[in-house]
Amino acid sequence: MPTNPSVHMQHLCIRITCEYLEMPGLALTLPQATHLWSADAESCTKALEWLVASGFLRSAGGTYRRDSAGYRAA
């Protein structure tokens, strides 16, 4: 898992995590994610990739979705 993200990145990751928990089956492309969370592409990419590295999300074919195995705590 990556090292500690900035406070801004932590807030974005929490927001993204909450959305995925509230909407099972949510699958978003980067453009959809940036629009949904009103985030720039760089910040959104970093947050999504951090969540992929943590095991919460997975990425396939440019789409980010919840890992079916669930969250692996660090």
PDB file of N, CA and C in Angstrom:
ATOM      1  N   MET A   1       0.855  -1.171   0.000  1.00  0.00           N
ATOM      2  CA  MET A   1       0.000   0.000   0.000  1.00  0.00           C
ATOM      3  C   MET A   1       0.897   1.229   0.000  1.00  0.00           C
ATOM      4  N   PRO A   2       0.493   2.285  -0.685  1.00  0.00           N
ATOM      5  CA  PRO A   2       1.298   3.500  -0.720  1.00  0.00           C
ATOM      6  C   PRO A   2       1.453   4.126   0.663  1.00  0.00           C
ATOM      7  N   THR A   3       2.398   5.029   0.783  1.00  0.00           N
ATOM      8  CA  THR A   3       2.589   5.740   2.044  1.00  0.00           C
ATOM      9  C   THR A   3       1.426   6.677   2.297  1.00  0.00           C
ATOM     10  N   ASN A   4       1.437   7.343   3.445  1.00  0.00           N
ATOM     11  CA  ASN A   4       0.321   8.200   3.850  1.00  0.00           C
ATOM     12  C   ASN A   4       0.023   9.289   2.824  1.00  0.00           C
ATOM     13  N   PRO A   5      -1.210   9.357   2.383  1.00  0.00           N
ATOM     14  CA  PRO A   5      -1.605  10.411   1.452  1.00  0.00           C
ATOM     15  C   PRO A   5      -1.835  11.731   2.187  1.00  0.00           C
ATOM     16  N   SER A   6      -1.895  12.819   1.437  1.00  0.00           N
ATOM     17  CA  SER A   6      -2.166  14.128   2.027  1.00  0.00           C
ATOM     18  C   SER A   6      -3.583  14.155   2.607  1.00  0.00           C
ATOM     19  N   VAL A   7      -3.867  15.179   3.386  1.00  0.00           N
ATOM     20  CA  VAL A   7      -5.203  15.320   3.990  1.00  0.00           C
ATOM     21  C   VAL A   7      -6.264  15.419   2.896  1.00  0.00           C
ATOM     22  N   HIS A   8      -5.987  16.187   1.843  1.00  0.00           N
ATOM     23  CA  HIS A   8      -6.926  16.303   0.723  1.00  0.00           C
ATOM     24  C   HIS A   8      -7.190  14.927   0.115  1.00  0.00           C
ATOM     25  N   MET A   9      -6.119  14.156  -0.080  1.00  0.00           N
ATOM     26  CA  MET A   9      -6.257  12.828  -0.670  1.00  0.00           C
ATOM     27  C   MET A   9      -7.008  11.896   0.275  1.00  0.00           C
ATOM     28  N   GLN A  10      -6.763  12.012   1.577  1.00  0.00           N
ATOM     29  CA  GLN A  10      -7.483  11.190   2.546  1.00  0.00           C
ATOM     30  C   GLN A  10      -8.977  11.477   2.480  1.00  0.00           C
ATOM     31  N   HIS A  11      -9.345  12.747   2.406  1.00  0.00           N
ATOM     32  CA  HIS A  11     -10.767  13.109   2.324  1.00  0.00           C
ATOM     33  C   HIS A  11     -11.393  12.572   1.047  1.00  0.00           C
ATOM     34  N   LEU A  12     -10.669  12.674  -0.064  1.00  0.00           N
ATOM     35  CA  LEU A  12     -11.190  12.162  -1.323  1.00  0.00           C
ATOM     36  C   LEU A  12     -11.348  10.640  -1.262  1.00  0.00           C
ATOM     37  N   CYS A  13     -10.379   9.953  -0.682  1.00  0.00           N
ATOM     38  CA  CYS A  13     -10.460   8.496  -0.548  1.00  0.00           C
ATOM     39  C   CYS A  13     -11.642   8.086   0.327  1.00  0.00           C
ATOM     40  N   ILE A  14     -11.882   8.817   1.395  1.00  0.00           N
ATOM     41  CA  ILE A  14     -13.026   8.528   2.268  1.00  0.00           C
ATOM     42  C   ILE A  14     -14.334   8.737   1.508  1.00  0.00           C
ATOM     43  N   ARG A  15     -14.409   9.816   0.755  1.00  0.00           N
ATOM     44  CA  ARG A  15     -15.613  10.105  -0.023  1.00  0.00           C
ATOM     45  C   ARG A  15     -15.870   9.008  -1.055  1.00  0.00           C
ATOM     46  N   ILE A  16     -14.816   8.598  -1.746  1.00  0.00           N
ATOM     47  CA  ILE A  16     -14.934   7.546  -2.750  1.00  0.00           C
ATOM     48  C   ILE A  16     -15.350   6.232  -2.088  1.00  0.00           C
ATOM     49  N   THR A  17     -14.716   5.895  -0.982  1.00  0.00           N
ATOM     50  CA  THR A  17     -15.040   4.666  -0.251  1.00  0.00           C
ATOM     51  C   THR A  17     -16.506   4.642   0.150  1.00  0.00           C
ATOM     52  N   CYS A  18     -16.986   5.752   0.683  1.00  0.00           N
ATOM     53  CA  CYS A  18     -18.401   5.833   1.104  1.00  0.00           C
ATOM     54  C   CYS A  18     -19.340   5.610  -0.069  1.00  0.00           C
ATOM     55  N   GLU A  19     -19.032   6.199  -1.216  1.00  0.00           N
ATOM     56  CA  GLU A  19     -19.890   6.021  -2.393  1.00  0.00           C
ATOM     57  C   GLU A  19     -19.935   4.563  -2.824  1.00  0.00           C
ATOM     58  N   TYR A  20     -18.773   3.913  -2.844  1.00  0.00           N
ATOM     59  CA  TYR A  20     -18.746   2.503  -3.238  1.00  0.00           C
ATOM     60  C   TYR A  20     -19.464   1.618  -2.226  1.00  0.00           C
ATOM     61  N   LEU A  21     -19.401   1.959  -0.946  1.00  0.00           N
ATOM     62  CA  LEU A  21     -20.118   1.186   0.069  1.00  0.00           C
ATOM     63  C   LEU A  21     -21.618   1.393  -0.035  1.00  0.00           C
ATOM     64  N   GLU A  22     -22.035   2.617  -0.379  1.00  0.00           N
ATOM     65  CA  GLU A  22     -23.465   2.927  -0.482  1.00  0.00           C
ATOM     66  C   GLU A  22     -24.098   2.356  -1.748  1.00  0.00           C
ATOM     67  N   MET A  23     -23.297   2.168  -2.793  1.00  0.00           N
ATOM     68  CA  MET A  23     -23.833   1.717  -4.079  1.00  0.00           C
ATOM     69  C   MET A  23     -23.115   0.445  -4.544  1.00  0.00           C
ATOM     70  N   PRO A  24     -23.511  -0.703  -4.014  1.00  0.00           N
ATOM     71  CA  PRO A  24     -22.889  -1.949  -4.457  1.00  0.00           C
ATOM     72  C   PRO A  24     -23.021  -2.095  -5.982  1.00  0.00           C
ATOM     73  N   GLY A  25     -21.978  -2.553  -6.609  1.00  0.00           N
ATOM     74  CA  GLY A  25     -22.007  -2.714  -8.059  1.00  0.00           C
ATOM     75  C   GLY A  25     -21.566  -1.482  -8.819  1.00  0.00           C
ATOM     76  N   LEU A  26     -21.250  -0.404  -8.109  1.00  0.00           N
ATOM     77  CA  LEU A  26     -20.801   0.822  -8.763  1.00  0.00           C
ATOM     78  C   LEU A  26     -19.530   0.533  -9.557  1.00  0.00           C
ATOM     79  N   ALA A  27     -19.518   0.927 -10.811  1.00  0.00           N
ATOM     80  CA  ALA A  27     -18.354   0.764 -11.680  1.00  0.00           C
ATOM     81  C   ALA A  27     -18.193   2.063 -12.463  1.00  0.00           C
ATOM     82  N   LEU A  28     -17.055   2.709 -12.293  1.00  0.00           N
ATOM     83  CA  LEU A  28     -16.841   4.014 -12.909  1.00  0.00           C
ATOM     84  C   LEU A  28     -15.544   4.061 -13.697  1.00  0.00           C
ATOM     85  N   THR A  29     -15.570   4.798 -14.798  1.00  0.00           N
ATOM     86  CA  THR A  29     -14.350   5.119 -15.519  1.00  0.00           C
ATOM     87  C   THR A  29     -13.773   6.381 -14.870  1.00  0.00           C
ATOM     88  N   LEU A  30     -12.545   6.712 -15.200  1.00  0.00           N
ATOM     89  CA  LEU A  30     -11.941   7.916 -14.635  1.00  0.00           C
ATOM     90  C   LEU A  30     -12.751   9.176 -14.967  1.00  0.00           C
ATOM     91  N   PRO A  31     -13.189   9.388 -16.222  1.00  0.00           N
ATOM     92  CA  PRO A  31     -14.001  10.576 -16.495  1.00  0.00           C
ATOM     93  C   PRO A  31     -15.294  10.624 -15.672  1.00  0.00           C
ATOM     94  N   GLN A  32     -15.936   9.490 -15.480  1.00  0.00           N
ATOM     95  CA  GLN A  32     -17.148   9.451 -14.669  1.00  0.00           C
ATOM     96  C   GLN A  32     -16.840   9.776 -13.211  1.00  0.00           C
ATOM     97  N   ALA A  33     -15.731   9.236 -12.709  1.00  0.00           N
ATOM     98  CA  ALA A  33     -15.339   9.472 -11.318  1.00  0.00           C
ATOM     99  C   ALA A  33     -14.999  10.943 -11.088  1.00  0.00           C
ATOM    100  N   THR A  34     -14.266  11.549 -11.990  1.00  0.00           N
ATOM    101  CA  THR A  34     -13.902  12.960 -11.819  1.00  0.00           C
ATOM    102  C   THR A  34     -15.154  13.834 -11.824  1.00  0.00           C
ATOM    103  N   HIS A  35     -16.119  13.470 -12.649  1.00  0.00           N
ATOM    104  CA  HIS A  35     -17.375  14.226 -12.687  1.00  0.00           C
ATOM    105  C   HIS A  35     -18.175  14.028 -11.400  1.00  0.00           C
ATOM    106  N   LEU A  36     -18.306  12.782 -10.954  1.00  0.00           N
ATOM    107  CA  LEU A  36     -19.094  12.471  -9.759  1.00  0.00           C
ATOM    108  C   LEU A  36     -18.540  13.166  -8.522  1.00  0.00           C
ATOM    109  N   TRP A  37     -17.208  13.148  -8.366  1.00  0.00           N
ATOM    110  CA  TRP A  37     -16.597  13.705  -7.167  1.00  0.00           C
ATOM    111  C   TRP A  37     -16.027  15.101  -7.362  1.00  0.00           C
ATOM    112  N   SER A  38     -16.296  15.715  -8.506  1.00  0.00           N
ATOM    113  CA  SER A  38     -15.800  17.076  -8.806  1.00  0.00           C
ATOM    114  C   SER A  38     -14.320  17.209  -8.458  1.00  0.00           C
ATOM    115  N   ALA A  39     -13.549  16.241  -8.912  1.00  0.00           N
ATOM    116  CA  ALA A  39     -12.117  16.214  -8.629  1.00  0.00           C
ATOM    117  C   ALA A  39     -11.350  16.281  -9.945  1.00  0.00           C
ATOM    118  N   ASP A  40     -10.156  16.852  -9.890  1.00  0.00           N
ATOM    119  CA  ASP A  40      -9.329  16.868 -11.089  1.00  0.00           C
ATOM    120  C   ASP A  40      -8.837  15.449 -11.369  1.00  0.00           C
ATOM    121  N   ALA A  41      -8.469  15.202 -12.610  1.00  0.00           N
ATOM    122  CA  ALA A  41      -8.091  13.857 -13.042  1.00  0.00           C
ATOM    123  C   ALA A  41      -6.893  13.322 -12.266  1.00  0.00           C
ATOM    124  N   GLU A  42      -5.908  14.164 -11.976  1.00  0.00           N
ATOM    125  CA  GLU A  42      -4.716  13.709 -11.263  1.00  0.00           C
ATOM    126  C   GLU A  42      -5.052  13.246  -9.846  1.00  0.00           C
ATOM    127  N   SER A  43      -5.812  14.060  -9.116  1.00  0.00           N
ATOM    128  CA  SER A  43      -6.193  13.698  -7.743  1.00  0.00           C
ATOM    129  C   SER A  43      -7.064  12.452  -7.732  1.00  0.00           C
ATOM    130  N   CYS A  44      -7.998  12.393  -8.656  1.00  0.00           N
ATOM    131  CA  CYS A  44      -8.911  11.252  -8.703  1.00  0.00           C
ATOM    132  C   CYS A  44      -8.147   9.977  -9.048  1.00  0.00           C
ATOM    133  N   THR A  45      -7.229  10.061  -9.988  1.00  0.00           N
ATOM    134  CA  THR A  45      -6.420   8.898 -10.347  1.00  0.00           C
ATOM    135  C   THR A  45      -5.616   8.413  -9.149  1.00  0.00           C
ATOM    136  N   LYS A  46      -4.973   9.341  -8.441  1.00  0.00           N
ATOM    137  CA  LYS A  46      -4.174   8.966  -7.272  1.00  0.00           C
ATOM    138  C   LYS A  46      -5.038   8.300  -6.205  1.00  0.00           C
ATOM    139  N   ALA A  47      -6.209   8.858  -5.942  1.00  0.00           N
ATOM    140  CA  ALA A  47      -7.104   8.292  -4.924  1.00  0.00           C
ATOM    141  C   ALA A  47      -7.591   6.905  -5.333  1.00  0.00           C
ATOM    142  N   LEU A  48      -8.016   6.769  -6.573  1.00  0.00           N
ATOM    143  CA  LEU A  48      -8.505   5.475  -7.040  1.00  0.00           C
ATOM    144  C   LEU A  48      -7.393   4.436  -7.015  1.00  0.00           C
ATOM    145  N   GLU A  49      -6.201   4.814  -7.447  1.00  0.00           N
ATOM    146  CA  GLU A  49      -5.082   3.867  -7.444  1.00  0.00           C
ATOM    147  C   GLU A  49      -4.670   3.505  -6.018  1.00  0.00           C
ATOM    148  N   TRP A  50      -4.772   4.443  -5.101  1.00  0.00           N
ATOM    149  CA  TRP A  50      -4.475   4.150  -3.696  1.00  0.00           C
ATOM    150  C   TRP A  50      -5.469   3.117  -3.165  1.00  0.00           C
ATOM    151  N   LEU A  51      -6.743   3.284  -3.544  1.00  0.00           N
ATOM    152  CA  LEU A  51      -7.764   2.339  -3.108  1.00  0.00           C
ATOM    153  C   LEU A  51      -7.609   0.970  -3.790  1.00  0.00           C
ATOM    154  N   VAL A  52      -7.085   0.951  -5.007  1.00  0.00           N
ATOM    155  CA  VAL A  52      -6.762  -0.314  -5.668  1.00  0.00           C
ATOM    156  C   VAL A  52      -5.621  -0.988  -4.918  1.00  0.00           C
ATOM    157  N   ALA A  53      -4.570  -0.227  -4.611  1.00  0.00           N
ATOM    158  CA  ALA A  53      -3.413  -0.779  -3.902  1.00  0.00           C
ATOM    159  C   ALA A  53      -3.788  -1.288  -2.511  1.00  0.00           C
ATOM    160  N   SER A  54      -4.777  -0.647  -1.886  1.00  0.00           N
ATOM    161  CA  SER A  54      -5.199  -1.062  -0.551  1.00  0.00           C
ATOM    162  C   SER A  54      -6.071  -2.313  -0.588  1.00  0.00           C
ATOM    163  N   GLY A  55      -6.554  -2.675  -1.783  1.00  0.00           N
ATOM    164  CA  GLY A  55      -7.396  -3.854  -1.917  1.00  0.00           C
ATOM    165  C   GLY A  55      -8.885  -3.564  -1.879  1.00  0.00           C
ATOM    166  N   PHE A  56      -9.270  -2.301  -1.712  1.00  0.00           N
ATOM    167  CA  PHE A  56     -10.688  -1.971  -1.643  1.00  0.00           C
ATOM    168  C   PHE A  56     -11.331  -1.977  -3.027  1.00  0.00           C
ATOM    169  N   LEU A  57     -10.627  -1.448  -4.024  1.00  0.00           N
ATOM    170  CA  LEU A  57     -11.126  -1.413  -5.396  1.00  0.00           C
ATOM    171  C   LEU A  57     -10.252  -2.279  -6.285  1.00  0.00           C
ATOM    172  N   ARG A  58     -10.779  -2.568  -7.470  1.00  0.00           N
ATOM    173  CA  ARG A  58      -9.974  -3.186  -8.506  1.00  0.00           C
ATOM    174  C   ARG A  58     -10.237  -2.433  -9.800  1.00  0.00           C
ATOM    175  N   SER A  59      -9.286  -2.511 -10.684  1.00  0.00           N
ATOM    176  CA  SER A  59      -9.399  -1.818 -11.955  1.00  0.00           C
ATOM    177  C   SER A  59      -9.245  -2.827 -13.073  1.00  0.00           C
ATOM    178  N   ALA A  60     -10.190  -2.810 -13.991  1.00  0.00           N
ATOM    179  CA  ALA A  60     -10.143  -3.699 -15.151  1.00  0.00           C
ATOM    180  C   ALA A  60     -10.753  -2.968 -16.337  1.00  0.00           C
ATOM    181  N   GLY A  61     -10.007  -2.906 -17.415  1.00  0.00           N
ATOM    182  CA  GLY A  61     -10.538  -2.271 -18.623  1.00  0.00           C
ATOM    183  C   GLY A  61     -10.866  -0.812 -18.446  1.00  0.00           C
ATOM    184  N   GLY A  62     -10.140  -0.129 -17.557  1.00  0.00           N
ATOM    185  CA  GLY A  62     -10.393   1.295 -17.344  1.00  0.00           C
ATOM    186  C   GLY A  62     -11.571   1.596 -16.447  1.00  0.00           C
ATOM    187  N   THR A  63     -12.121   0.574 -15.807  1.00  0.00           N
ATOM    188  CA  THR A  63     -13.259   0.748 -14.914  1.00  0.00           C
ATOM    189  C   THR A  63     -12.845   0.370 -13.494  1.00  0.00           C
ATOM    190  N   TYR A  64     -13.226   1.208 -12.557  1.00  0.00           N
ATOM    191  CA  TYR A  64     -12.945   0.954 -11.140  1.00  0.00           C
ATOM    192  C   TYR A  64     -14.212   0.434 -10.485  1.00  0.00           C
ATOM    193  N   ARG A  65     -14.075  -0.691  -9.804  1.00  0.00           N
ATOM    194  CA  ARG A  65     -15.211  -1.276  -9.095  1.00  0.00           C
ATOM    195  C   ARG A  65     -14.726  -1.851  -7.782  1.00  0.00           C
ATOM    196  N   ARG A  66     -15.646  -2.156  -6.907  1.00  0.00           N
ATOM    197  CA  ARG A  66     -15.317  -2.713  -5.598  1.00  0.00           C
ATOM    198  C   ARG A  66     -14.750  -4.101  -5.757  1.00  0.00           C
ATOM    199  N   ASP A  67     -13.698  -4.391  -5.038  1.00  0.00           N
ATOM    200  CA  ASP A  67     -13.100  -5.716  -5.063  1.00  0.00           C
ATOM    201  C   ASP A  67     -14.095  -6.687  -4.459  1.00  0.00           C
ATOM    202  N   SER A  68     -14.421  -7.742  -5.175  1.00  0.00           N
ATOM    203  CA  SER A  68     -15.419  -8.700  -4.688  1.00  0.00           C
ATOM    204  C   SER A  68     -14.968  -9.405  -3.412  1.00  0.00           C
ATOM    205  N   ALA A  69     -13.664  -9.429  -3.158  1.00  0.00           N
ATOM    206  CA  ALA A  69     -13.158 -10.061  -1.938  1.00  0.00           C
ATOM    207  C   ALA A  69     -13.336  -9.142  -0.735  1.00  0.00           C
ATOM    208  N   GLY A  70     -13.672  -7.886  -0.966  1.00  0.00           N
ATOM    209  CA  GLY A  70     -13.868  -6.943   0.124  1.00  0.00           C
ATOM    210  C   GLY A  70     -12.579  -6.229   0.513  1.00  0.00           C
ATOM    211  N   TYR A  71     -12.686  -5.412   1.494  1.00  0.00           N
ATOM    212  CA  TYR A  71     -11.564  -4.578   1.928  1.00  0.00           C
ATOM    213  C   TYR A  71     -10.570  -5.395   2.740  1.00  0.00           C
ATOM    214  N   ARG A  72      -9.311  -5.267   2.403  1.00  0.00           N
ATOM    215  CA  ARG A  72      -8.243  -5.897   3.183  1.00  0.00           C
ATOM    216  C   ARG A  72      -7.632  -4.814   4.052  1.00  0.00           C
ATOM    217  N   ALA A  73      -7.841  -4.919   5.338  1.00  0.00           N
ATOM    218  CA  ALA A  73      -7.305  -3.918   6.268  1.00  0.00           C
ATOM    219  C   ALA A  73      -5.790  -3.959   6.272  1.00  0.00           C
ATOM    220  N   ALA A  74      -5.196  -2.788   6.420  1.00  0.00           N
ATOM    221  CA  ALA A  74      -3.730  -2.686   6.429  1.00  0.00           C
ATOM    222  C   ALA A  74      -3.166  -3.098   7.763  1.00  0.00           C
TER     223      ALA A  74
END
